[in-house]
Amino acid sequence: MYIKVKAKAGAKKESVVQKTADHFEISVKEPAERNLANKRIIVLIRDFVNNNLNDKKSGQVYNSVRIVSGHHSPSKIISIN
């Protein structure tokens, strides 16, 4: 599954807001340097998906979350498997 993320690094509060089924807006405290913000975005997406979108009956857990494009941009495409 692919999702689109609009990221804001260096925010005062962390937040994950789901705008549509495949579009998120994420704010992270980490700065946009040395890949710190990207790593935190991956952790937040993985936690959000496993807590909110997880199918409780099948017990599926999404562990493979990676940035497909937008490593140096606020607009990112993330793959979740």
PDB file of N, CA and C in Angstrom:
ATOM      1  N   MET A   1       0.850  -1.151   0.000  1.00  0.00           N
ATOM      2  CA  MET A   1       0.000   0.000   0.000  1.00  0.00           C
ATOM      3  C   MET A   1       0.912   1.235   0.000  1.00  0.00           C
ATOM      4  N   TYR A   2       0.544   2.218  -0.777  1.00  0.00           N
ATOM      5  CA  TYR A   2       1.283   3.465  -0.849  1.00  0.00           C
ATOM      6  C   TYR A   2       0.447   4.582  -0.253  1.00  0.00           C
ATOM      7  N   ILE A   3       1.103   5.463   0.499  1.00  0.00           N
ATOM      8  CA  ILE A   3       0.413   6.631   1.035  1.00  0.00           C
ATOM      9  C   ILE A   3       1.240   7.867   0.718  1.00  0.00           C
ATOM     10  N   LYS A   4       0.556   8.999   0.670  1.00  0.00           N
ATOM     11  CA  LYS A   4       1.214  10.280   0.431  1.00  0.00           C
ATOM     12  C   LYS A   4       1.289  11.015   1.762  1.00  0.00           C
ATOM     13  N   VAL A   5       2.447  11.605   2.026  1.00  0.00           N
ATOM     14  CA  VAL A   5       2.672  12.291   3.290  1.00  0.00           C
ATOM     15  C   VAL A   5       3.174  13.700   3.026  1.00  0.00           C
ATOM     16  N   LYS A   6       2.601  14.649   3.716  1.00  0.00           N
ATOM     17  CA  LYS A   6       3.097  16.020   3.731  1.00  0.00           C
ATOM     18  C   LYS A   6       3.737  16.206   5.098  1.00  0.00           C
ATOM     19  N   ALA A   7       5.042  16.390   5.143  1.00  0.00           N
ATOM     20  CA  ALA A   7       5.792  16.411   6.386  1.00  0.00           C
ATOM     21  C   ALA A   7       6.204  17.820   6.778  1.00  0.00           C
ATOM     22  N   LYS A   8       6.232  18.045   8.103  1.00  0.00           N
ATOM     23  CA  LYS A   8       6.746  19.295   8.643  1.00  0.00           C
ATOM     24  C   LYS A   8       7.752  18.934   9.731  1.00  0.00           C
ATOM     25  N   ALA A   9       8.999  19.252   9.501  1.00  0.00           N
ATOM     26  CA  ALA A   9      10.065  18.963  10.464  1.00  0.00           C
ATOM     27  C   ALA A   9      10.298  20.168  11.357  1.00  0.00           C
ATOM     28  N   GLY A  10      10.768  19.915  12.577  1.00  0.00           N
ATOM     29  CA  GLY A  10      11.068  20.997  13.506  1.00  0.00           C
ATOM     30  C   GLY A  10       9.842  21.605  14.147  1.00  0.00           C
ATOM     31  N   ALA A  11       8.754  20.866  14.236  1.00  0.00           N
ATOM     32  CA  ALA A  11       7.525  21.380  14.845  1.00  0.00           C
ATOM     33  C   ALA A  11       7.618  21.322  16.374  1.00  0.00           C
ATOM     34  N   LYS A  12       6.788  22.076  17.050  1.00  0.00           N
ATOM     35  CA  LYS A  12       6.779  22.054  18.508  1.00  0.00           C
ATOM     36  C   LYS A  12       6.086  20.811  19.048  1.00  0.00           C
ATOM     37  N   LYS A  13       5.071  20.317  18.337  1.00  0.00           N
ATOM     38  CA  LYS A  13       4.334  19.120  18.745  1.00  0.00           C
ATOM     39  C   LYS A  13       4.325  18.122  17.612  1.00  0.00           C
ATOM     40  N   GLU A  14       4.404  16.834  17.965  1.00  0.00           N
ATOM     41  CA  GLU A  14       4.287  15.787  16.956  1.00  0.00           C
ATOM     42  C   GLU A  14       2.814  15.463  16.753  1.00  0.00           C
ATOM     43  N   SER A  15       2.442  15.263  15.489  1.00  0.00           N
ATOM     44  CA  SER A  15       1.060  14.903  15.189  1.00  0.00           C
ATOM     45  C   SER A  15       0.998  14.129  13.881  1.00  0.00           C
ATOM     46  N   VAL A  16       0.003  13.252  13.812  1.00  0.00           N
ATOM     47  CA  VAL A  16      -0.295  12.501  12.592  1.00  0.00           C
ATOM     48  C   VAL A  16      -1.768  12.728  12.299  1.00  0.00           C
ATOM     49  N   VAL A  17      -2.061  13.340  11.167  1.00  0.00           N
ATOM     50  CA  VAL A  17      -3.437  13.633  10.782  1.00  0.00           C
ATOM     51  C   VAL A  17      -3.718  12.939   9.462  1.00  0.00           C
ATOM     52  N   GLN A  18      -4.758  12.108   9.457  1.00  0.00           N
ATOM     53  CA  GLN A  18      -5.141  11.411   8.229  1.00  0.00           C
ATOM     54  C   GLN A  18      -6.187  12.252   7.514  1.00  0.00           C
ATOM     55  N   LYS A  19      -5.806  12.806   6.363  1.00  0.00           N
ATOM     56  CA  LYS A  19      -6.713  13.653   5.588  1.00  0.00           C
ATOM     57  C   LYS A  19      -7.686  12.818   4.763  1.00  0.00           C
ATOM     58  N   THR A  20      -7.157  11.831   4.035  1.00  0.00           N
ATOM     59  CA  THR A  20      -7.982  10.886   3.281  1.00  0.00           C
ATOM     60  C   THR A  20      -7.429   9.494   3.560  1.00  0.00           C
ATOM     61  N   ALA A  21      -7.935   8.506   2.858  1.00  0.00           N
ATOM     62  CA  ALA A  21      -7.485   7.128   3.088  1.00  0.00           C
ATOM     63  C   ALA A  21      -6.004   6.938   2.794  1.00  0.00           C
ATOM     64  N   ASP A  22      -5.470   7.722   1.863  1.00  0.00           N
ATOM     65  CA  ASP A  22      -4.061   7.545   1.506  1.00  0.00           C
ATOM     66  C   ASP A  22      -3.247   8.838   1.570  1.00  0.00           C
ATOM     67  N   HIS A  23      -3.704   9.822   2.345  1.00  0.00           N
ATOM     68  CA  HIS A  23      -2.990  11.088   2.467  1.00  0.00           C
ATOM     69  C   HIS A  23      -2.906  11.486   3.940  1.00  0.00           C
ATOM     70  N   PHE A  24      -1.668  11.751   4.397  1.00  0.00           N
ATOM     71  CA  PHE A  24      -1.428  12.109   5.788  1.00  0.00           C
ATOM     72  C   PHE A  24      -0.649  13.405   5.866  1.00  0.00           C
ATOM     73  N   GLU A  25      -0.836  14.134   6.974  1.00  0.00           N
ATOM     74  CA  GLU A  25      -0.005  15.279   7.302  1.00  0.00           C
ATOM     75  C   GLU A  25       0.658  14.969   8.632  1.00  0.00           C
ATOM     76  N   ILE A  26       1.989  15.059   8.659  1.00  0.00           N
ATOM     77  CA  ILE A  26       2.749  14.672   9.836  1.00  0.00           C
ATOM     78  C   ILE A  26       3.667  15.816  10.250  1.00  0.00           C
ATOM     79  N   SER A  27       3.678  16.099  11.551  1.00  0.00           N
ATOM     80  CA  SER A  27       4.612  17.058  12.125  1.00  0.00           C
ATOM     81  C   SER A  27       5.513  16.307  13.092  1.00  0.00           C
ATOM     82  N   VAL A  28       6.817  16.538  12.996  1.00  0.00           N
ATOM     83  CA  VAL A  28       7.783  15.893  13.880  1.00  0.00           C
ATOM     84  C   VAL A  28       8.694  16.946  14.510  1.00  0.00           C
ATOM     85  N   LYS A  29       9.188  16.650  15.696  1.00  0.00           N
ATOM     86  CA  LYS A  29      10.074  17.579  16.396  1.00  0.00           C
ATOM     87  C   LYS A  29      11.495  17.576  15.834  1.00  0.00           C
ATOM     88  N   GLU A  30      11.913  16.477  15.252  1.00  0.00           N
ATOM     89  CA  GLU A  30      13.276  16.348  14.763  1.00  0.00           C
ATOM     90  C   GLU A  30      13.542  17.305  13.600  1.00  0.00           C
ATOM     91  N   PRO A  31      14.773  17.779  13.495  1.00  0.00           N
ATOM     92  CA  PRO A  31      15.114  18.669  12.375  1.00  0.00           C
ATOM     93  C   PRO A  31      15.261  17.877  11.081  1.00  0.00           C
ATOM     94  N   ALA A  32      15.187  18.584   9.982  1.00  0.00           N
ATOM     95  CA  ALA A  32      15.314  17.964   8.657  1.00  0.00           C
ATOM     96  C   ALA A  32      16.781  17.897   8.256  1.00  0.00           C
ATOM     97  N   GLU A  33      17.572  17.239   9.069  1.00  0.00           N
ATOM     98  CA  GLU A  33      18.992  17.061   8.767  1.00  0.00           C
ATOM     99  C   GLU A  33      19.441  15.702   9.276  1.00  0.00           C
ATOM    100  N   ARG A  34      20.433  15.127   8.601  1.00  0.00           N
ATOM    101  CA  ARG A  34      20.993  13.816   8.935  1.00  0.00           C
ATOM    102  C   ARG A  34      19.912  12.726   8.997  1.00  0.00           C
ATOM    103  N   ASN A  35      18.863  12.862   8.215  1.00  0.00           N
ATOM    104  CA  ASN A  35      17.801  11.855   8.084  1.00  0.00           C
ATOM    105  C   ASN A  35      16.991  11.666   9.364  1.00  0.00           C
ATOM    106  N   LEU A  36      17.099  12.576  10.320  1.00  0.00           N
ATOM    107  CA  LEU A  36      16.404  12.428  11.596  1.00  0.00           C
ATOM    108  C   LEU A  36      14.892  12.520  11.439  1.00  0.00           C
ATOM    109  N   ALA A  37      14.413  13.485  10.677  1.00  0.00           N
ATOM    110  CA  ALA A  37      12.971  13.645  10.501  1.00  0.00           C
ATOM    111  C   ALA A  37      12.380  12.468   9.729  1.00  0.00           C
ATOM    112  N   ASN A  38      13.061  11.976   8.709  1.00  0.00           N
ATOM    113  CA  ASN A  38      12.561  10.840   7.933  1.00  0.00           C
ATOM    114  C   ASN A  38      12.440   9.593   8.798  1.00  0.00           C
ATOM    115  N   LYS A  39      13.415   9.341   9.655  1.00  0.00           N
ATOM    116  CA  LYS A  39      13.355   8.175  10.537  1.00  0.00           C
ATOM    117  C   LYS A  39      12.172   8.273  11.497  1.00  0.00           C
ATOM    118  N   ARG A  40      11.934   9.456  12.030  1.00  0.00           N
ATOM    119  CA  ARG A  40      10.812   9.641  12.959  1.00  0.00           C
ATOM    120  C   ARG A  40       9.476   9.514  12.228  1.00  0.00           C
ATOM    121  N   ILE A  41       9.393   9.996  11.004  1.00  0.00           N
ATOM    122  CA  ILE A  41       8.170   9.864  10.207  1.00  0.00           C
ATOM    123  C   ILE A  41       7.850   8.396   9.980  1.00  0.00           C
ATOM    124  N   ILE A  42       8.846   7.584   9.682  1.00  0.00           N
ATOM    125  CA  ILE A  42       8.628   6.153   9.467  1.00  0.00           C
ATOM    126  C   ILE A  42       8.084   5.499  10.730  1.00  0.00           C
ATOM    127  N   VAL A  43       8.642   5.847  11.885  1.00  0.00           N
ATOM    128  CA  VAL A  43       8.176   5.275  13.157  1.00  0.00           C
ATOM    129  C   VAL A  43       6.727   5.687  13.428  1.00  0.00           C
ATOM    130  N   LEU A  44       6.409   6.958  13.225  1.00  0.00           N
ATOM    131  CA  LEU A  44       5.046   7.439  13.482  1.00  0.00           C
ATOM    132  C   LEU A  44       4.030   6.796  12.542  1.00  0.00           C
ATOM    133  N   ILE A  45       4.377   6.661  11.268  1.00  0.00           N
ATOM    134  CA  ILE A  45       3.459   6.021  10.311  1.00  0.00           C
ATOM    135  C   ILE A  45       3.240   4.559  10.687  1.00  0.00           C
ATOM    136  N   ARG A  46       4.318   3.838  11.015  1.00  0.00           N
ATOM    137  CA  ARG A  46       4.191   2.425  11.376  1.00  0.00           C
ATOM    138  C   ARG A  46       3.290   2.262  12.612  1.00  0.00           C
ATOM    139  N   ASP A  47       3.487   3.099  13.623  1.00  0.00           N
ATOM    140  CA  ASP A  47       2.661   3.022  14.825  1.00  0.00           C
ATOM    141  C   ASP A  47       1.211   3.370  14.525  1.00  0.00           C
ATOM    142  N   PHE A  48       1.000   4.424  13.723  1.00  0.00           N
ATOM    143  CA  PHE A  48      -0.367   4.836  13.394  1.00  0.00           C
ATOM    144  C   PHE A  48      -1.105   3.752  12.621  1.00  0.00           C
ATOM    145  N   VAL A  49      -0.459   3.188  11.628  1.00  0.00           N
ATOM    146  CA  VAL A  49      -1.099   2.166  10.800  1.00  0.00           C
ATOM    147  C   VAL A  49      -1.394   0.912  11.619  1.00  0.00           C
ATOM    148  N   ASN A  50      -0.452   0.489  12.440  1.00  0.00           N
ATOM    149  CA  ASN A  50      -0.662  -0.721  13.237  1.00  0.00           C
ATOM    150  C   ASN A  50      -1.734  -0.522  14.310  1.00  0.00           C
ATOM    151  N   ASN A  51      -1.877   0.685  14.832  1.00  0.00           N
ATOM    152  CA  ASN A  51      -2.879   0.942  15.874  1.00  0.00           C
ATOM    153  C   ASN A  51      -4.255   1.262  15.321  1.00  0.00           C
ATOM    154  N   ASN A  52      -4.329   1.897  14.159  1.00  0.00           N
ATOM    155  CA  ASN A  52      -5.614   2.388  13.666  1.00  0.00           C
ATOM    156  C   ASN A  52      -6.143   1.653  12.446  1.00  0.00           C
ATOM    157  N   LEU A  53      -5.280   1.217  11.556  1.00  0.00           N
ATOM    158  CA  LEU A  53      -5.734   0.598  10.317  1.00  0.00           C
ATOM    159  C   LEU A  53      -5.567  -0.907  10.322  1.00  0.00           C
ATOM    160  N   ASN A  54      -5.030  -1.450  11.394  1.00  0.00           N
ATOM    161  CA  ASN A  54      -4.747  -2.878  11.467  1.00  0.00           C
ATOM    162  C   ASN A  54      -6.043  -3.679  11.529  1.00  0.00           C
ATOM    163  N   ASP A  55      -6.088  -4.754  10.769  1.00  0.00           N
ATOM    164  CA  ASP A  55      -7.229  -5.658  10.790  1.00  0.00           C
ATOM    165  C   ASP A  55      -7.079  -6.571  11.996  1.00  0.00           C
ATOM    166  N   LYS A  56      -7.894  -6.346  13.032  1.00  0.00           N
ATOM    167  CA  LYS A  56      -7.754  -7.076  14.291  1.00  0.00           C
ATOM    168  C   LYS A  56      -8.007  -8.569  14.132  1.00  0.00           C
ATOM    169  N   LYS A  57      -8.874  -8.955  13.215  1.00  0.00           N
ATOM    170  CA  LYS A  57      -9.204 -10.373  13.061  1.00  0.00           C
ATOM    171  C   LYS A  57      -8.062 -11.161  12.444  1.00  0.00           C
ATOM    172  N   SER A  58      -7.403 -10.597  11.455  1.00  0.00           N
ATOM    173  CA  SER A  58      -6.321 -11.328  10.804  1.00  0.00           C
ATOM    174  C   SER A  58      -5.011 -11.202  11.568  1.00  0.00           C
ATOM    175  N   GLY A  59      -4.896 -10.198  12.420  1.00  0.00           N
ATOM    176  CA  GLY A  59      -3.678 -10.003  13.192  1.00  0.00           C
ATOM    177  C   GLY A  59      -2.513  -9.516  12.367  1.00  0.00           C
ATOM    178  N   GLN A  60      -2.782  -8.927  11.204  1.00  0.00           N
ATOM    179  CA  GLN A  60      -1.706  -8.457  10.330  1.00  0.00           C
ATOM    180  C   GLN A  60      -1.012  -7.260  10.961  1.00  0.00           C
ATOM    181  N   VAL A  61       0.312  -7.307  10.976  1.00  0.00           N
ATOM    182  CA  VAL A  61       1.120  -6.216  11.499  1.00  0.00           C
ATOM    183  C   VAL A  61       2.007  -5.712  10.368  1.00  0.00           C
ATOM    184  N   TYR A  62       2.018  -4.405  10.191  1.00  0.00           N
ATOM    185  CA  TYR A  62       2.819  -3.797   9.132  1.00  0.00           C
ATOM    186  C   TYR A  62       4.190  -3.423   9.705  1.00  0.00           C
ATOM    187  N   ASN A  63       5.228  -4.122   9.289  1.00  0.00           N
ATOM    188  CA  ASN A  63       6.581  -3.854   9.770  1.00  0.00           C
ATOM    189  C   ASN A  63       7.434  -3.155   8.734  1.00  0.00           C
ATOM    190  N   SER A  64       7.157  -3.382   7.456  1.00  0.00           N
ATOM    191  CA  SER A  64       7.983  -2.829   6.400  1.00  0.00           C
ATOM    192  C   SER A  64       7.412  -1.488   5.951  1.00  0.00           C
ATOM    193  N   VAL A  65       7.985  -0.410   6.463  1.00  0.00           N
ATOM    194  CA  VAL A  65       7.595   0.944   6.082  1.00  0.00           C
ATOM    195  C   VAL A  65       8.844   1.624   5.568  1.00  0.00           C
ATOM    196  N   ARG A  66       8.769   2.152   4.326  1.00  0.00           N
ATOM    197  CA  ARG A  66       9.936   2.825   3.756  1.00  0.00           C
ATOM    198  C   ARG A  66       9.497   3.982   2.883  1.00  0.00           C
ATOM    199  N   ILE A  67      10.369   4.948   2.761  1.00  0.00           N
ATOM    200  CA  ILE A  67      10.113   6.103   1.907  1.00  0.00           C
ATOM    201  C   ILE A  67      10.518   5.744   0.490  1.00  0.00           C
ATOM    202  N   VAL A  68       9.567   5.829  -0.439  1.00  0.00           N
ATOM    203  CA  VAL A  68       9.816   5.501  -1.840  1.00  0.00           C
ATOM    204  C   VAL A  68      10.372   6.713  -2.575  1.00  0.00           C
ATOM    205  N   SER A  69       9.768   7.862  -2.349  1.00  0.00           N
ATOM    206  CA  SER A  69      10.275   9.085  -2.976  1.00  0.00           C
ATOM    207  C   SER A  69      10.036  10.264  -2.052  1.00  0.00           C
ATOM    208  N   GLY A  70      10.839  11.300  -2.218  1.00  0.00           N
ATOM    209  CA  GLY A  70      10.695  12.505  -1.414  1.00  0.00           C
ATOM    210  C   GLY A  70      11.605  12.552  -0.212  1.00  0.00           C
ATOM    211  N   HIS A  71      12.773  11.937  -0.303  1.00  0.00           N
ATOM    212  CA  HIS A  71      13.702  11.926   0.824  1.00  0.00           C
ATOM    213  C   HIS A  71      14.139  13.332   1.224  1.00  0.00           C
ATOM    214  N   HIS A  72      14.246  14.227   0.265  1.00  0.00           N
ATOM    215  CA  HIS A  72      14.699  15.594   0.527  1.00  0.00           C
ATOM    216  C   HIS A  72      13.573  16.607   0.357  1.00  0.00           C
ATOM    217  N   SER A  73      12.340  16.154   0.398  1.00  0.00           N
ATOM    218  CA  SER A  73      11.196  17.009   0.143  1.00  0.00           C
ATOM    219  C   SER A  73      10.150  16.832   1.239  1.00  0.00           C
ATOM    220  N   PRO A  74       9.335  17.843   1.499  1.00  0.00           N
ATOM    221  CA  PRO A  74       8.246  17.667   2.465  1.00  0.00           C
ATOM    222  C   PRO A  74       7.147  16.736   1.954  1.00  0.00           C
ATOM    223  N   SER A  75       7.002  16.600   0.652  1.00  0.00           N
ATOM    224  CA  SER A  75       6.015  15.698   0.070  1.00  0.00           C
ATOM    225  C   SER A  75       6.677  14.355  -0.187  1.00  0.00           C
ATOM    226  N   LYS A  76       6.122  13.310   0.443  1.00  0.00           N
ATOM    227  CA  LYS A  76       6.743  11.995   0.371  1.00  0.00           C
ATOM    228  C   LYS A  76       5.724  10.942  -0.053  1.00  0.00           C
ATOM    229  N   ILE A  77       6.208   9.879  -0.648  1.00  0.00           N
ATOM    230  CA  ILE A  77       5.400   8.696  -0.913  1.00  0.00           C
ATOM    231  C   ILE A  77       6.018   7.560  -0.106  1.00  0.00           C
ATOM    232  N   ILE A  78       5.190   6.908   0.701  1.00  0.00           N
ATOM    233  CA  ILE A  78       5.662   5.876   1.617  1.00  0.00           C
ATOM    234  C   ILE A  78       4.992   4.565   1.280  1.00  0.00           C
ATOM    235  N   SER A  79       5.778   3.497   1.262  1.00  0.00           N
ATOM    236  CA  SER A  79       5.287   2.150   1.009  1.00  0.00           C
ATOM    237  C   SER A  79       5.124   1.432   2.336  1.00  0.00           C
ATOM    238  N   ILE A  80       3.968   0.768   2.515  1.00  0.00           N
ATOM    239  CA  ILE A  80       3.674   0.016   3.738  1.00  0.00           C
ATOM    240  C   ILE A  80       3.329  -1.411   3.324  1.00  0.00           C
ATOM    241  N   ASN A  81       4.068  -2.364   3.876  1.00  0.00           N
ATOM    242  CA  ASN A  81       3.808  -3.780   3.616  1.00  0.00           C
ATOM    243  C   ASN A  81       3.708  -4.527   4.920  1.00  0.00           C
TER     244      ASN A  81
END
